Amino acid sequence: MIRRLLPDVADTTIAEAADSLDFVSPAPADRPYVVTNFALTLDGEATIAGRSGSIGTDADTEMLVGLRTRVDAVMIGAGTMRAERYGRVMGDPAKRERRESEGFTPQPLMVIVSGRLDLPWDAPLFTEGQGEVVILTTSDVDPPETATEVHIERHERAIDMPAALRDLRINRGVRALLSEGGPRLHAQLLEERLVDELFVTHAPKLAGGGGPGLVEGLSEAERRLELVWLIAEVDSGELFGRYRVLS
């Protein structure tokens, strides 16, 4: 049973919550509207045995897929790509058709941040030939041939994230972007004040492994957030928080 606790109390579904989201309308002219999604254990860790997928339940996966249906692009870091070995972003044909009916491309553009281009090129994302991938890198190495169309965007010394987001918005038409991590990428986006909303799944688990948390390397300057909604998956005990960045 899914129960909305805030802003009002009511029974709901994950699909209903995701379907109500509009990240396109508030998109600024010079960059996409950026939302992040993360699952955390009760002791604040983002991985168990090195992977994030084992933290959440099917409800967490449903929320993640729901967020993907509401954006033009999905962004991940190289570490997340190596650990999770992504395939196509939108696997359900019905969801791809619905995206098209709402003015999105069938597959969200995948954006990977990889300074050294040290990526698992045999992962399904590159071998299935579905959708497009943009890789932000500082490397001058040429990637191997892939079945999926890959575009390399090279930056000098360090990846200029504001410039990269501006290019995605102006030249690729990306109005809304979902960042799925990892912690260093989320820290960079927050550090440069490029995040508009955070979606955090609070899992009733303890990891105890001393792994990464929500962000890694974020400065100690305070960031103020507003809790927009809080949803509980009663059977599993998961809490889904939606937070808007205020400063």
C-alpha atoms as a PDB file:
ATOM      1  CA  MET A   1       0.000   0.000   0.000  1.00  0.00           C
ATOM      2  CA  ILE A   2       1.316   3.431  -0.975  1.00  0.00           C
ATOM      3  CA  ARG A   3       0.380   6.252   1.369  1.00  0.00           C
ATOM      4  CA  ARG A   4       1.048   9.943   0.777  1.00  0.00           C
ATOM      5  CA  LEU A   5       1.923  11.583   4.099  1.00  0.00           C
ATOM      6  CA  LEU A   6       2.702  15.105   2.871  1.00  0.00           C
ATOM      7  CA  PRO A   7       1.461  17.599   1.758  1.00  0.00           C
ATOM      8  CA  ASP A   8      -1.828  15.816   2.522  1.00  0.00           C
ATOM      9  CA  VAL A   9      -2.684  12.306   3.669  1.00  0.00           C
ATOM     10  CA  ALA A  10      -4.162  10.030   1.002  1.00  0.00           C
ATOM     11  CA  ASP A  11      -3.763   6.651  -0.647  1.00  0.00           C
ATOM     12  CA  THR A  12      -1.868   6.887  -3.924  1.00  0.00           C
ATOM     13  CA  THR A  13       0.366   4.901  -6.257  1.00  0.00           C
ATOM     14  CA  ILE A  14       3.925   5.379  -7.437  1.00  0.00           C
ATOM     15  CA  ALA A  15       2.646   5.766 -10.982  1.00  0.00           C
ATOM     16  CA  GLU A  16       0.164   8.449  -9.920  1.00  0.00           C
ATOM     17  CA  ALA A  17       2.879  10.361  -8.092  1.00  0.00           C
ATOM     18  CA  ALA A  18       5.272  10.197 -11.041  1.00  0.00           C
ATOM     19  CA  ASP A  19       2.593  11.096 -13.590  1.00  0.00           C
ATOM     20  CA  SER A  20       1.871  14.337 -11.723  1.00  0.00           C
ATOM     21  CA  LEU A  21       5.428  15.600 -12.225  1.00  0.00           C
ATOM     22  CA  ASP A  22       6.202  18.405 -14.673  1.00  0.00           C
ATOM     23  CA  PHE A  23       9.868  19.275 -15.032  1.00  0.00           C
ATOM     24  CA  VAL A  24       9.530  20.799 -18.489  1.00  0.00           C
ATOM     25  CA  SER A  25       7.446  23.907 -17.744  1.00  0.00           C
ATOM     26  CA  PRO A  26       9.881  25.384 -15.173  1.00  0.00           C
ATOM     27  CA  ALA A  27      12.990  24.729 -17.333  1.00  0.00           C
ATOM     28  CA  PRO A  28      15.169  27.850 -17.611  1.00  0.00           C
ATOM     29  CA  ALA A  29      16.294  29.059 -21.034  1.00  0.00           C
ATOM     30  CA  ASP A  30      20.008  28.430 -20.468  1.00  0.00           C
ATOM     31  CA  ARG A  31      20.036  24.936 -18.913  1.00  0.00           C
ATOM     32  CA  PRO A  32      17.746  21.975 -18.244  1.00  0.00           C
ATOM     33  CA  TYR A  33      15.644  21.697 -15.114  1.00  0.00           C
ATOM     34  CA  VAL A  34      17.783  19.249 -13.103  1.00  0.00           C
ATOM     35  CA  VAL A  35      16.471  16.649 -10.665  1.00  0.00           C
ATOM     36  CA  THR A  36      18.471  13.979  -8.874  1.00  0.00           C
ATOM     37  CA  ASN A  37      17.408  10.570  -7.615  1.00  0.00           C
ATOM     38  CA  PHE A  38      19.103   8.571  -4.876  1.00  0.00           C
ATOM     39  CA  ALA A  39      18.364   5.615  -2.586  1.00  0.00           C
ATOM     40  CA  LEU A  40      19.930   5.704   0.874  1.00  0.00           C
ATOM     41  CA  THR A  41      20.081   3.328   3.827  1.00  0.00           C
ATOM     42  CA  LEU A  42      19.072   4.530   7.261  1.00  0.00           C
ATOM     43  CA  ASP A  43      22.748   5.081   8.110  1.00  0.00           C
ATOM     44  CA  GLY A  44      23.102   7.272   5.039  1.00  0.00           C
ATOM     45  CA  GLU A  45      24.950   4.960   2.638  1.00  0.00           C
ATOM     46  CA  ALA A  46      24.305   4.913  -1.093  1.00  0.00           C
ATOM     47  CA  THR A  47      25.599   1.402  -1.795  1.00  0.00           C
ATOM     48  CA  ILE A  48      25.543  -2.077  -0.288  1.00  0.00           C
ATOM     49  CA  ALA A  49      28.474  -4.261  -1.366  1.00  0.00           C
ATOM     50  CA  GLY A  50      29.401  -1.596  -3.903  1.00  0.00           C
ATOM     51  CA  ARG A  51      26.059  -1.341  -5.675  1.00  0.00           C
ATOM     52  CA  SER A  52      23.039   0.914  -5.253  1.00  0.00           C
ATOM     53  CA  GLY A  53      20.480  -1.459  -6.794  1.00  0.00           C
ATOM     54  CA  SER A  54      20.213  -3.638  -3.691  1.00  0.00           C
ATOM     55  CA  ILE A  55      19.087  -0.773  -1.440  1.00  0.00           C
ATOM     56  CA  GLY A  56      15.567  -0.207  -2.732  1.00  0.00           C
ATOM     57  CA  THR A  57      12.635  -2.493  -3.516  1.00  0.00           C
ATOM     58  CA  ASP A  58      10.478  -2.750  -6.624  1.00  0.00           C
ATOM     59  CA  ALA A  59       8.681   0.412  -5.507  1.00  0.00           C
ATOM     60  CA  ASP A  60      11.988   2.302  -5.637  1.00  0.00           C
ATOM     61  CA  THR A  61      12.633   0.963  -9.131  1.00  0.00           C
ATOM     62  CA  GLU A  62       9.127   2.005 -10.183  1.00  0.00           C
ATOM     63  CA  MET A  63       9.778   5.530  -8.898  1.00  0.00           C
ATOM     64  CA  LEU A  64      13.070   5.702 -10.784  1.00  0.00           C
ATOM     65  CA  VAL A  65      11.424   4.585 -14.027  1.00  0.00           C
ATOM     66  CA  GLY A  66       8.607   7.045 -13.412  1.00  0.00           C
ATOM     67  CA  LEU A  67      11.104   9.888 -13.109  1.00  0.00           C
ATOM     68  CA  ARG A  68      12.760   8.765 -16.348  1.00  0.00           C
ATOM     69  CA  THR A  69       9.471   9.108 -18.176  1.00  0.00           C
ATOM     70  CA  ARG A  70       9.308  12.822 -17.263  1.00  0.00           C
ATOM     71  CA  VAL A  71      12.713  13.962 -18.578  1.00  0.00           C
ATOM     72  CA  ASP A  72      14.544  14.419 -21.867  1.00  0.00           C
ATOM     73  CA  ALA A  73      17.894  13.088 -20.597  1.00  0.00           C
ATOM     74  CA  VAL A  74      19.426  10.915 -17.879  1.00  0.00           C
ATOM     75  CA  MET A  75      22.918  11.664 -16.541  1.00  0.00           C
ATOM     76  CA  ILE A  76      25.264   9.307 -14.689  1.00  0.00           C
ATOM     77  CA  GLY A  77      28.916   9.267 -13.700  1.00  0.00           C
ATOM     78  CA  ALA A  78      31.469   6.757 -14.959  1.00  0.00           C
ATOM     79  CA  GLY A  79      31.573   4.935 -11.603  1.00  0.00           C
ATOM     80  CA  THR A  80      27.826   4.374 -11.691  1.00  0.00           C
ATOM     81  CA  MET A  81      28.087   3.107 -15.264  1.00  0.00           C
ATOM     82  CA  ARG A  82      30.842   0.660 -14.322  1.00  0.00           C
ATOM     83  CA  ALA A  83      28.981  -0.608 -11.248  1.00  0.00           C
ATOM     84  CA  GLU A  84      25.479  -0.855 -12.720  1.00  0.00           C
ATOM     85  CA  ARG A  85      26.310  -1.589 -16.399  1.00  0.00           C
ATOM     86  CA  TYR A  86      23.262   0.203 -17.783  1.00  0.00           C
ATOM     87  CA  GLY A  87      21.190  -1.004 -20.692  1.00  0.00           C
ATOM     88  CA  ARG A  88      18.578   1.020 -22.536  1.00  0.00           C
ATOM     89  CA  VAL A  89      17.057   3.701 -20.331  1.00  0.00           C
ATOM     90  CA  MET A  90      13.415   3.025 -21.223  1.00  0.00           C
ATOM     91  CA  GLY A  91      12.740  -0.681 -21.736  1.00  0.00           C
ATOM     92  CA  ASP A  92       8.918  -0.747 -21.626  1.00  0.00           C
ATOM     93  CA  PRO A  93       7.426  -0.212 -25.127  1.00  0.00           C
ATOM     94  CA  ALA A  94       4.245   1.252 -23.626  1.00  0.00           C
ATOM     95  CA  LYS A  95       6.245   3.868 -21.735  1.00  0.00           C
ATOM     96  CA  ARG A  96       8.205   4.710 -24.891  1.00  0.00           C
ATOM     97  CA  GLU A  97       4.941   5.224 -26.778  1.00  0.00           C
ATOM     98  CA  ARG A  98       3.579   7.394 -24.006  1.00  0.00           C
ATOM     99  CA  ARG A  99       6.735   9.496 -24.027  1.00  0.00           C
ATOM    100  CA  GLU A 100       6.266  10.133 -27.740  1.00  0.00           C
ATOM    101  CA  SER A 101       2.624  11.101 -27.214  1.00  0.00           C
ATOM    102  CA  GLU A 102       3.754  13.700 -24.645  1.00  0.00           C
ATOM    103  CA  GLY A 103       6.431  15.261 -26.833  1.00  0.00           C
ATOM    104  CA  PHE A 104       9.480  13.339 -25.605  1.00  0.00           C
ATOM    105  CA  THR A 105      11.784  11.095 -27.610  1.00  0.00           C
ATOM    106  CA  PRO A 106      11.093   7.357 -27.071  1.00  0.00           C
ATOM    107  CA  GLN A 107      14.403   6.945 -25.262  1.00  0.00           C
ATOM    108  CA  PRO A 108      15.853   9.644 -23.006  1.00  0.00           C
ATOM    109  CA  LEU A 109      19.267  10.835 -24.096  1.00  0.00           C
ATOM    110  CA  MET A 110      21.905   9.196 -21.904  1.00  0.00           C
ATOM    111  CA  VAL A 111      24.653  11.546 -20.692  1.00  0.00           C
ATOM    112  CA  ILE A 112      27.752  10.014 -19.090  1.00  0.00           C
ATOM    113  CA  VAL A 113      30.409  12.019 -17.253  1.00  0.00           C
ATOM    114  CA  SER A 114      33.726  10.196 -17.669  1.00  0.00           C
ATOM    115  CA  GLY A 115      36.994  12.079 -17.356  1.00  0.00           C
ATOM    116  CA  ARG A 116      39.173   9.218 -18.618  1.00  0.00           C
ATOM    117  CA  LEU A 117      36.675   7.395 -20.883  1.00  0.00           C
ATOM    118  CA  ASP A 118      37.226   4.258 -18.789  1.00  0.00           C
ATOM    119  CA  LEU A 119      33.797   2.788 -19.469  1.00  0.00           C
ATOM    120  CA  PRO A 120      32.459  -0.780 -19.858  1.00  0.00           C
ATOM    121  CA  TRP A 121      32.038  -0.674 -23.626  1.00  0.00           C
ATOM    122  CA  ASP A 122      30.539  -4.167 -23.644  1.00  0.00           C
ATOM    123  CA  ALA A 123      27.610  -3.041 -21.455  1.00  0.00           C
ATOM    124  CA  PRO A 124      24.131  -3.286 -23.056  1.00  0.00           C
ATOM    125  CA  LEU A 125      23.829   0.509 -23.279  1.00  0.00           C
ATOM    126  CA  PHE A 126      26.552   0.463 -25.938  1.00  0.00           C
ATOM    127  CA  THR A 127      25.793  -2.884 -27.592  1.00  0.00           C
ATOM    128  CA  GLU A 128      21.989  -2.787 -27.976  1.00  0.00           C
ATOM    129  CA  GLY A 129      21.932   0.051 -30.506  1.00  0.00           C
ATOM    130  CA  GLN A 130      19.045   1.878 -28.794  1.00  0.00           C
ATOM    131  CA  GLY A 131      18.864   5.628 -28.261  1.00  0.00           C
ATOM    132  CA  GLU A 132      21.842   7.984 -28.131  1.00  0.00           C
ATOM    133  CA  VAL A 133      24.674   8.602 -25.678  1.00  0.00           C
ATOM    134  CA  VAL A 134      26.603  11.815 -25.032  1.00  0.00           C
ATOM    135  CA  ILE A 135      29.855  11.435 -23.093  1.00  0.00           C
ATOM    136  CA  LEU A 136      31.439  14.426 -21.351  1.00  0.00           C
ATOM    137  CA  THR A 137      35.165  13.847 -20.985  1.00  0.00           C
ATOM    138  CA  THR A 138      38.586  15.470 -20.682  1.00  0.00           C
ATOM    139  CA  SER A 139      40.264  12.545 -22.431  1.00  0.00           C
ATOM    140  CA  ASP A 140      41.644  12.750 -25.968  1.00  0.00           C
ATOM    141  CA  VAL A 141      41.283   8.974 -26.433  1.00  0.00           C
ATOM    142  CA  ASP A 142      38.947   7.810 -29.189  1.00  0.00           C
ATOM    143  CA  PRO A 143      36.180   5.435 -28.039  1.00  0.00           C
ATOM    144  CA  PRO A 144      35.666   2.058 -29.716  1.00  0.00           C
ATOM    145  CA  GLU A 145      32.955   1.471 -32.318  1.00  0.00           C
ATOM    146  CA  THR A 146      29.577   0.853 -30.682  1.00  0.00           C
ATOM    147  CA  ALA A 147      26.152  -0.252 -31.899  1.00  0.00           C
ATOM    148  CA  THR A 148      24.582   2.643 -30.003  1.00  0.00           C
ATOM    149  CA  GLU A 149      25.252   6.125 -31.384  1.00  0.00           C
ATOM    150  CA  VAL A 150      27.826   7.864 -29.160  1.00  0.00           C
ATOM    151  CA  HIS A 151      28.792  11.555 -29.226  1.00  0.00           C
ATOM    152  CA  ILE A 152      31.949  12.714 -27.437  1.00  0.00           C
ATOM    153  CA  GLU A 153      31.995  16.215 -25.926  1.00  0.00           C
ATOM    154  CA  ARG A 154      35.566  17.085 -24.892  1.00  0.00           C
ATOM    155  CA  HIS A 155      36.473  19.584 -22.170  1.00  0.00           C
ATOM    156  CA  GLU A 156      39.912  20.884 -21.234  1.00  0.00           C
ATOM    157  CA  ARG A 157      41.423  19.973 -17.837  1.00  0.00           C
ATOM    158  CA  ALA A 158      38.038  19.636 -16.086  1.00  0.00           C
ATOM    159  CA  ILE A 159      34.463  19.144 -17.212  1.00  0.00           C
ATOM    160  CA  ASP A 160      32.678  22.488 -17.276  1.00  0.00           C
ATOM    161  CA  MET A 161      29.267  21.375 -16.067  1.00  0.00           C
ATOM    162  CA  PRO A 162      27.442  24.709 -16.539  1.00  0.00           C
ATOM    163  CA  ALA A 163      28.718  24.841 -20.131  1.00  0.00           C
ATOM    164  CA  ALA A 164      27.767  21.209 -20.696  1.00  0.00           C
ATOM    165  CA  LEU A 165      24.222  21.767 -19.422  1.00  0.00           C
ATOM    166  CA  ARG A 166      23.901  24.926 -21.492  1.00  0.00           C
ATOM    167  CA  ASP A 167      24.893  22.951 -24.598  1.00  0.00           C
ATOM    168  CA  LEU A 168      22.382  20.214 -23.782  1.00  0.00           C
ATOM    169  CA  ARG A 169      19.617  22.801 -23.411  1.00  0.00           C
ATOM    170  CA  ILE A 170      20.376  25.019 -26.405  1.00  0.00           C
ATOM    171  CA  ASN A 171      21.829  22.595 -28.943  1.00  0.00           C
ATOM    172  CA  ARG A 172      20.147  19.317 -28.022  1.00  0.00           C
ATOM    173  CA  GLY A 173      16.796  20.551 -26.756  1.00  0.00           C
ATOM    174  CA  VAL A 174      17.100  18.977 -23.290  1.00  0.00           C
ATOM    175  CA  ARG A 175      14.518  20.701 -21.117  1.00  0.00           C
ATOM    176  CA  ALA A 176      14.592  18.369 -18.115  1.00  0.00           C
ATOM    177  CA  LEU A 177      17.437  16.144 -16.920  1.00  0.00           C
ATOM    178  CA  LEU A 178      17.539  13.404 -14.278  1.00  0.00           C
ATOM    179  CA  SER A 179      20.867  12.677 -12.561  1.00  0.00           C
ATOM    180  CA  GLU A 180      21.113   9.172 -11.125  1.00  0.00           C
ATOM    181  CA  GLY A 181      24.536   9.601  -9.512  1.00  0.00           C
ATOM    182  CA  GLY A 182      26.899   8.752  -8.186  1.00  0.00           C
ATOM    183  CA  PRO A 183      27.776  10.825  -5.134  1.00  0.00           C
ATOM    184  CA  ARG A 184      30.617  12.793  -6.763  1.00  0.00           C
ATOM    185  CA  LEU A 185      28.453  13.820  -9.698  1.00  0.00           C
ATOM    186  CA  HIS A 186      25.639  14.885  -7.369  1.00  0.00           C
ATOM    187  CA  ALA A 187      28.119  16.876  -5.294  1.00  0.00           C
ATOM    188  CA  GLN A 188      29.436  18.635  -8.389  1.00  0.00           C
ATOM    189  CA  LEU A 189      25.945  19.559  -9.561  1.00  0.00           C
ATOM    190  CA  LEU A 190      24.979  20.841  -6.111  1.00  0.00           C
ATOM    191  CA  GLU A 191      28.297  22.659  -5.672  1.00  0.00           C
ATOM    192  CA  GLU A 192      27.666  24.608  -8.874  1.00  0.00           C
ATOM    193  CA  ARG A 193      24.016  25.224  -7.913  1.00  0.00           C
ATOM    194  CA  LEU A 194      22.640  23.329 -10.889  1.00  0.00           C
ATOM    195  CA  VAL A 195      20.128  21.119  -9.026  1.00  0.00           C
ATOM    196  CA  ASP A 196      16.479  22.122  -8.743  1.00  0.00           C
ATOM    197  CA  GLU A 197      14.992  19.081  -6.963  1.00  0.00           C
ATOM    198  CA  LEU A 198      16.157  15.954  -5.131  1.00  0.00           C
ATOM    199  CA  PHE A 199      14.223  12.681  -4.946  1.00  0.00           C
ATOM    200  CA  VAL A 200      15.509  10.490  -2.121  1.00  0.00           C
ATOM    201  CA  THR A 201      14.361   6.970  -1.245  1.00  0.00           C
ATOM    202  CA  HIS A 202      14.988   6.306   2.451  1.00  0.00           C
ATOM    203  CA  ALA A 203      15.305   2.514   2.816  1.00  0.00           C
ATOM    204  CA  PRO A 204      14.773   0.777   6.191  1.00  0.00           C
ATOM    205  CA  LYS A 205      18.191  -0.902   6.056  1.00  0.00           C
ATOM    206  CA  LEU A 206      21.590  -0.469   7.664  1.00  0.00           C
ATOM    207  CA  ALA A 207      24.635  -0.948   5.443  1.00  0.00           C
ATOM    208  CA  GLY A 208      27.459  -0.321   7.911  1.00  0.00           C
ATOM    209  CA  GLY A 209      30.105  -0.549   5.249  1.00  0.00           C
ATOM    210  CA  GLY A 210      31.577   2.944   5.352  1.00  0.00           C
ATOM    211  CA  GLY A 211      30.661   3.544   1.728  1.00  0.00           C
ATOM    212  CA  PRO A 212      29.663   6.766  -0.053  1.00  0.00           C
ATOM    213  CA  GLY A 213      26.637   8.795   0.983  1.00  0.00           C
ATOM    214  CA  LEU A 214      24.314  11.116  -0.870  1.00  0.00           C
ATOM    215  CA  VAL A 215      27.129  13.434  -1.962  1.00  0.00           C
ATOM    216  CA  GLU A 216      30.905  13.101  -1.916  1.00  0.00           C
ATOM    217  CA  GLY A 217      33.122  16.175  -1.810  1.00  0.00           C
ATOM    218  CA  LEU A 218      30.433  18.791  -1.248  1.00  0.00           C
ATOM    219  CA  SER A 219      31.638  21.894   0.578  1.00  0.00           C
ATOM    220  CA  GLU A 220      30.338  22.603   4.063  1.00  0.00           C
ATOM    221  CA  ALA A 221      28.228  25.582   2.962  1.00  0.00           C
ATOM    222  CA  GLU A 222      24.603  25.038   3.959  1.00  0.00           C
ATOM    223  CA  ARG A 223      22.039  24.133   1.280  1.00  0.00           C
ATOM    224  CA  ARG A 224      18.435  24.765   2.256  1.00  0.00           C
ATOM    225  CA  LEU A 225      15.758  22.392   0.976  1.00  0.00           C
ATOM    226  CA  GLU A 226      11.969  22.349   1.063  1.00  0.00           C
ATOM    227  CA  LEU A 227      10.120  19.046   1.574  1.00  0.00           C
ATOM    228  CA  VAL A 228       7.515  18.926  -1.210  1.00  0.00           C
ATOM    229  CA  TRP A 229       6.102  15.462  -0.630  1.00  0.00           C
ATOM    230  CA  LEU A 230       6.641  12.385   1.508  1.00  0.00           C
ATOM    231  CA  ILE A 231       5.266   9.026   0.392  1.00  0.00           C
ATOM    232  CA  ALA A 232       5.443   5.728   2.305  1.00  0.00           C
ATOM    233  CA  GLU A 233       5.455   2.208   0.906  1.00  0.00           C
ATOM    234  CA  VAL A 234       3.758   0.644   3.901  1.00  0.00           C
ATOM    235  CA  ASP A 235       4.771  -2.992   3.381  1.00  0.00           C
ATOM    236  CA  SER A 236       8.479  -2.364   2.782  1.00  0.00           C
ATOM    237  CA  GLY A 237       8.811   0.680   5.026  1.00  0.00           C
ATOM    238  CA  GLU A 238      10.425   2.790   2.319  1.00  0.00           C
ATOM    239  CA  LEU A 239       9.963   6.553   2.414  1.00  0.00           C
ATOM    240  CA  PHE A 240      10.081   8.602  -0.791  1.00  0.00           C
ATOM    241  CA  GLY A 241      11.003  12.239  -0.248  1.00  0.00           C
ATOM    242  CA  ARG A 242      10.810  15.005  -2.829  1.00  0.00           C
ATOM    243  CA  TYR A 243      12.846  18.086  -1.949  1.00  0.00           C
ATOM    244  CA  ARG A 244      13.097  21.436  -3.733  1.00  0.00           C
ATOM    245  CA  VAL A 245      16.388  23.328  -3.520  1.00  0.00           C
ATOM    246  CA  LEU A 246      15.874  26.786  -2.006  1.00  0.00           C
ATOM    247  CA  SER A 247      19.474  28.015  -1.832  1.00  0.00           C
END
